[in-house]
Protein backbone atom coordinates (compact mmCIF):
# COMPACT_ATOMS: atom_id res chain seq x y z
CA MET A 1 52.21 -2.01 33.67
CA SER A 2 54.68 -1.59 36.51
CA LEU A 3 58.09 -3.26 36.24
CA GLU A 4 58.54 -3.33 40.02
CA ASN A 5 58.79 -6.82 41.45
CA ILE A 6 55.92 -7.97 43.64
CA GLU A 7 56.84 -9.45 47.01
CA GLY A 8 57.92 -13.07 46.53
CA GLU A 9 58.12 -12.78 42.74
CA THR A 10 60.95 -14.52 40.89
CA TRP A 11 61.77 -14.49 37.16
CA ASN A 12 63.10 -17.27 34.89
CA ASP A 13 63.97 -17.39 31.18
CA ILE A 14 61.38 -19.02 28.91
CA PRO A 15 62.83 -22.10 27.14
CA GLY A 16 63.66 -21.22 23.53
CA TYR A 17 63.53 -17.48 24.32
CA ASP A 18 66.53 -17.15 26.65
CA GLY A 19 67.55 -13.51 27.11
CA VAL A 20 64.43 -12.34 25.20
CA TYR A 21 61.45 -13.16 27.43
CA GLN A 22 61.11 -14.08 31.11
CA ALA A 23 58.20 -15.45 33.13
CA SER A 24 57.45 -14.95 36.82
CA ASN A 25 56.03 -17.39 39.35
CA LEU A 26 53.04 -15.02 39.82
CA GLY A 27 51.84 -15.33 36.20
CA ARG A 28 53.48 -12.28 34.60
CA ILE A 29 55.62 -12.27 31.42
CA LYS A 30 58.11 -9.56 30.43
CA SER A 31 60.44 -8.83 27.53
CA CYS A 32 64.10 -8.24 28.43
CA GLU A 33 66.14 -5.21 27.40
CA ARG A 34 68.02 -6.20 24.23
CA ILE A 35 69.04 -5.28 20.69
CA ASP A 36 66.55 -6.82 18.23
CA CYS A 37 67.30 -8.30 14.77
CA ASN A 38 66.87 -4.84 13.18
CA GLY A 39 69.50 -3.29 15.47
CA ARG A 40 66.96 -1.35 17.58
CA LEU A 41 67.06 -1.12 21.36
CA ARG A 42 64.11 -2.84 23.02
CA ARG A 43 63.31 -1.67 26.55
CA GLU A 44 62.27 -4.02 29.31
CA LYS A 45 58.47 -4.10 29.75
CA ILE A 46 55.60 -6.29 30.98
CA ARG A 47 53.83 -8.02 28.08
CA LYS A 48 50.06 -7.72 27.67
CA GLN A 49 48.06 -10.97 27.87
CA THR A 50 44.86 -11.53 25.90
CA LYS A 51 41.86 -13.70 26.75
CA THR A 52 40.92 -16.31 24.13
CA SER A 53 37.47 -17.64 23.24
CA LYS A 54 38.20 -20.68 25.47
CA GLY A 55 38.55 -18.41 28.53
CA ILE A 56 42.33 -18.86 28.97
CA LEU A 57 45.10 -16.27 28.60
CA ALA A 58 47.48 -16.28 25.60
CA ILE A 59 50.45 -14.15 24.58
CA PRO A 60 52.37 -13.61 21.30
CA LEU A 61 56.16 -14.14 21.50
CA HIS A 62 58.43 -12.68 18.77
CA LEU A 63 61.80 -14.18 17.77
CA HIS A 64 63.83 -13.61 14.57
CA GLY A 65 60.88 -11.96 12.82
CA LYS A 66 58.46 -14.80 13.59
CA ILE A 67 55.44 -14.73 15.93
CA GLU A 68 54.30 -17.68 18.04
CA TYR A 69 51.10 -17.59 20.11
CA LEU A 70 51.38 -19.59 23.34
CA THR A 71 49.11 -20.07 26.34
CA VAL A 72 50.33 -18.25 29.44
CA GLN A 73 49.88 -21.31 31.67
CA ALA A 74 52.19 -23.39 29.44
CA VAL A 75 54.80 -20.60 29.31
CA ILE A 76 54.83 -20.13 33.12
CA PHE A 77 55.07 -23.88 33.77
CA SER A 78 57.87 -24.51 31.24
CA ALA A 79 59.93 -21.54 32.55
CA PHE A 80 60.26 -23.17 35.99
CA ASN A 81 59.80 -26.91 35.30
CA GLY A 82 61.12 -27.35 31.75
CA LEU A 83 59.24 -28.48 28.66
CA LYS A 84 56.36 -30.97 28.89
CA PRO A 85 57.30 -34.64 28.42
CA SER A 86 54.67 -35.12 25.70
CA PRO A 87 52.42 -32.88 23.58
CA LYS A 88 49.43 -34.94 24.77
CA ILE A 89 50.05 -33.76 28.35
CA LYS A 90 48.36 -30.42 29.11
CA VAL A 91 49.02 -27.77 31.74
CA GLY A 92 45.91 -27.35 33.92
CA HIS A 93 44.79 -25.28 36.91
CA LYS A 94 44.43 -26.86 40.34
CA ASN A 95 41.66 -24.51 41.52
CA LYS A 96 40.01 -24.60 38.03
CA MET A 97 40.21 -20.79 37.73
CA LEU A 98 41.46 -20.33 34.15
CA LEU A 99 42.87 -16.83 34.76
CA ASP A 100 44.93 -17.80 37.83
CA ASN A 101 48.32 -18.62 36.29
CA ARG A 102 50.46 -18.61 39.43
CA LEU A 103 53.09 -21.37 39.38
CA GLU A 104 51.70 -23.00 42.52
CA ASN A 105 48.30 -23.33 40.81
CA LEU A 106 49.61 -25.14 37.68
CA GLU A 107 50.00 -28.88 37.19
CA LEU A 108 50.35 -31.41 34.37
CA GLN A 109 47.06 -33.08 33.38
CA SER A 110 45.87 -35.49 30.72
CA GLN A 111 43.58 -34.25 27.94
CA LYS A 112 40.70 -36.31 29.36
CA GLN A 113 41.13 -34.75 32.81
CA VAL A 114 41.22 -31.21 31.36
CA VAL A 115 38.02 -31.79 29.34
CA SER A 116 36.13 -33.45 32.21
CA ASP A 117 37.08 -30.63 34.62
CA SER A 118 36.09 -27.99 32.05
CA ILE A 119 32.65 -29.60 31.63
CA ARG A 120 32.19 -30.01 35.41
CA PHE A 121 32.97 -26.36 36.14
CA GLY A 122 30.99 -24.98 33.17
CA ASN A 123 33.98 -23.87 31.06
CA MET A 124 33.04 -26.13 28.12
CA ASN A 125 29.80 -27.30 26.50
CA PRO A 126 29.54 -31.12 26.86
CA SER A 127 27.82 -31.38 23.44
CA LEU A 128 31.05 -30.18 21.76
CA THR A 129 33.22 -33.01 23.16
CA PHE A 130 33.85 -36.41 21.66
CA GLY A 131 34.73 -39.27 24.03
CA SER A 132 34.37 -43.04 24.22
CA ASP A 133 30.59 -42.76 24.85
CA ALA A 134 30.09 -40.73 21.67
CA ALA A 135 32.20 -43.21 19.67
CA LYS A 136 30.13 -46.11 21.07
CA LYS A 137 26.83 -44.40 20.15
CA THR A 138 28.16 -43.68 16.65
CA ALA A 139 29.19 -47.31 16.15
CA GLU A 140 25.78 -48.58 17.34
CA ALA A 141 23.92 -46.14 15.08
CA PHE A 142 25.94 -47.13 11.99
CA ALA A 143 25.57 -50.86 12.79
CA GLN A 144 21.78 -50.56 12.41
CA PHE A 145 22.01 -48.21 9.41
CA ASP A 146 21.30 -49.37 5.87
CA PRO A 147 23.35 -46.95 3.73
CA SER A 148 21.53 -45.46 0.76
CA ASP A 149 22.05 -42.55 -1.60
CA SER A 150 19.49 -40.27 0.01
CA ARG A 151 20.02 -40.67 3.79
CA ARG A 152 22.79 -40.32 6.38
CA ILE A 153 23.30 -40.59 10.16
CA CYS A 154 24.33 -37.42 12.02
CA THR A 155 27.43 -38.08 14.16
CA ARG A 156 26.25 -35.54 16.75
CA CYS A 157 22.59 -36.43 17.46
CA PHE A 158 22.84 -40.00 15.98
CA CYS A 159 19.58 -39.57 14.03
CA GLU A 160 19.00 -40.86 10.50
CA LYS A 161 18.10 -37.92 8.24
CA PRO A 162 17.86 -37.17 4.50
CA LEU A 163 20.90 -35.67 2.77
CA THR A 164 19.04 -32.38 2.32
CA ASP A 165 19.37 -31.82 6.10
CA PHE A 166 23.19 -31.71 5.81
CA HIS A 167 25.35 -28.80 4.64
CA LYS A 168 27.60 -29.24 1.59
CA ARG A 169 31.24 -30.22 2.12
CA ASP A 170 33.34 -31.39 -0.82
CA CYS A 171 35.98 -33.29 1.20
CA ASN A 172 33.40 -35.69 2.73
CA PRO A 173 31.75 -38.69 1.01
CA LYS A 174 28.67 -37.71 -1.04
CA GLY A 175 29.77 -34.08 -0.71
CA LYS A 176 27.87 -33.56 2.55
CA ASN A 177 28.87 -32.80 6.14
CA ARG A 178 28.74 -35.56 8.78
CA ILE A 179 26.83 -33.28 11.20
CA CYS A 180 23.26 -32.26 10.34
CA ALA A 181 22.28 -28.62 9.85
CA ASP A 182 20.27 -28.50 13.12
CA CYS A 183 23.27 -29.61 15.22
CA LYS A 184 25.54 -27.20 13.34
CA ASN A 185 23.16 -24.32 14.04
CA LYS A 186 23.01 -25.17 17.75
CA GLU A 187 26.83 -25.33 17.85
CA SER A 188 27.04 -21.90 16.17
CA GLY A 189 24.66 -20.36 18.71
CA VAL A 190 21.44 -20.44 16.62
CA ILE A 191 18.80 -21.24 19.23
CA ASP A 192 15.57 -21.16 17.22
CA VAL A 193 16.23 -24.09 14.88
CA GLY A 194 12.47 -24.70 14.43
CA LYS A 195 12.06 -21.24 12.90
CA ASN A 196 14.68 -22.03 10.23
CA LYS A 197 12.87 -25.28 9.41
CA TYR A 198 9.56 -23.43 9.14
CA LEU A 199 11.03 -20.88 6.70
CA LYS A 200 12.54 -23.69 4.60
CA GLU A 201 9.16 -25.44 4.40
CA LEU A 202 7.53 -22.18 3.30
CA LYS A 203 10.16 -21.67 0.60
CA SER A 204 9.74 -25.20 -0.75
CA ALA A 205 5.95 -24.60 -0.96
CA GLY A 206 6.48 -21.35 -2.91
CA LEU A 207 5.44 -19.16 0.03
CA LYS A 208 7.11 -16.38 2.02
CA ARG A 209 6.45 -14.55 5.31
CA CYS A 210 6.32 -10.75 5.24
CA LYS A 211 8.52 -9.18 7.94
CA LYS A 212 6.22 -6.15 8.20
CA CYS A 213 2.68 -7.55 8.46
CA ASP A 214 3.83 -11.06 9.53
CA THR A 215 1.51 -12.82 7.09
CA VAL A 216 2.33 -15.73 4.76
CA LYS A 217 1.80 -14.97 1.07
CA GLU A 218 2.89 -16.32 -2.30
CA GLU A 219 6.39 -15.38 -3.46
CA THR A 220 4.92 -13.39 -6.37
CA ALA A 221 3.49 -10.93 -3.81
CA PHE A 222 7.06 -9.92 -2.88
CA ILE A 223 8.40 -9.23 -6.39
CA SER A 224 8.18 -5.62 -7.57
CA GLU A 225 7.63 -4.38 -11.12
CA LEU A 226 11.41 -4.12 -11.57
CA GLY A 227 11.80 -7.81 -10.69
CA THR A 228 13.53 -7.33 -7.33
CA ASN A 229 12.61 -9.62 -4.43
CA HIS A 230 11.86 -7.83 -1.12
CA PHE A 231 11.53 -8.90 2.52
CA TYR A 232 8.24 -6.93 2.68
CA CYS A 233 5.22 -7.71 0.50
CA ILE A 234 4.36 -5.19 -2.22
CA GLN A 235 1.36 -3.91 -0.25
CA CYS A 236 3.53 -3.13 2.80
CA MET A 237 6.22 -1.60 0.58
CA ARG A 238 3.66 0.77 -0.97
CA THR A 239 2.41 1.76 2.48
CA LYS A 240 5.97 2.40 3.58
CA VAL A 241 6.75 4.50 0.48
CA LYS A 242 3.55 6.51 0.97
CA GLY A 243 4.54 7.23 4.57
CA ILE A 244 8.02 8.39 3.53
CA LYS A 245 6.57 10.58 0.72
CA LYS A 246 4.07 12.16 3.14
CA HIS A 247 6.89 12.90 5.61
CA PHE A 248 8.95 14.73 2.95
CA ASP A 249 5.85 16.57 1.67
CA ASP A 250 5.16 17.86 5.20
CA LEU A 251 8.76 19.07 5.45
CA PHE A 252 8.61 20.77 2.05
CA TYR A 253 5.42 22.70 2.78
CA SER A 254 6.93 23.79 6.13
CA GLY A 255 9.95 25.31 4.35
CA LEU A 256 12.30 22.55 5.52
CA ARG A 257 14.42 19.90 3.82
CA ASN A 258 16.38 16.83 4.95
CA CYS A 259 20.07 16.97 3.90
CA THR A 260 20.92 13.69 2.14
CA LYS A 261 24.52 13.78 3.44
CA CYS A 262 24.36 14.75 7.14
CA LYS A 263 20.73 13.52 7.54
CA THR A 264 19.64 16.68 9.40
CA ILE A 265 16.52 18.76 8.77
CA LYS A 266 17.35 22.39 7.84
CA PRO A 267 15.50 25.40 6.30
CA PHE A 268 15.73 26.13 2.56
CA SER A 269 18.15 29.01 3.26
CA ASP A 270 20.82 26.45 4.25
CA PHE A 271 20.73 24.87 0.76
CA ASN A 272 22.20 26.11 -2.52
CA LYS A 273 19.79 26.92 -5.34
CA LEU A 274 19.31 24.20 -7.97
CA LYS A 275 16.83 24.43 -10.84
CA SER A 276 16.32 20.66 -11.10
CA GLY A 277 15.72 20.32 -7.34
CA ARG A 278 12.30 20.39 -5.78
CA GLY A 279 11.37 23.98 -4.96
CA GLY A 280 14.49 25.23 -6.71
CA TYR A 281 16.92 24.06 -4.01
CA GLY A 282 19.53 21.29 -3.86
CA TYR A 283 19.44 18.21 -1.64
CA VAL A 284 22.84 18.68 0.10
CA CYS A 285 23.24 21.56 2.57
CA LYS A 286 25.85 24.30 2.14
CA LEU A 287 27.95 23.04 5.07
CA CYS A 288 28.25 19.51 3.61
CA ASN A 289 29.07 21.00 0.20
CA ARG A 290 31.99 22.93 1.72
CA ARG A 291 33.31 19.83 3.51
CA SER A 292 33.32 17.79 0.29
CA PHE A 293 35.88 20.14 -1.35
């Protein structure tokens, strides 16, 4: 990145990093030329900013061998206006564009204002926020709830469900999470929650769905003679093995062989002779044998 100043750009020291890092009013951050703690000369350069999962820019700042990750908007604002009066106060964007960190676009906002703006402009999923409405719904749900050993109310969808519908969590009462498995799956990006329920019902009934023929069979139809449990039923596995065997037989009778290392089909002349191998040839080609030494 170029070190040349853009027209109208001014630089200020970042509080707590005086003489080490500077921030500009146009949203750029640079490290100053200095001698670090190891006695090495550090040249002046523009620092790279990374985009977080929340859609905002962050940057790592190094001082005395320690790294601190800060949001770019907070760094730019504090460099020109000083530190925030309270940790509860956030630095927000006036035009709601999260990547526009010019000083004129930054302002102090409350946490509630930041969340409401993020929901309104599509930067945050409203189902992941907890406000006064959610607290009210939770209180109402628990007021009508008769606690028992086998049921619990989900604090996300406010539905009464059995404990089997909640994931395990040792730190919570009864060793279960407060959010049901369906809500957790939706939060994690699992869209087809009904499919997971269907598979659980099949498993509890001692059934299983074959991924190859898409038919529901008993679990014993998936266990091979060696006792291993497969995703395909035994009938589909045999069909698959027969197809693979036929493919290799066709290659063999054509004077060809598939190298087990580079996965390429080559003539027998490209393989070393081996008495125990099929047709008197090895399974790894000469080229791969040379590379392995």
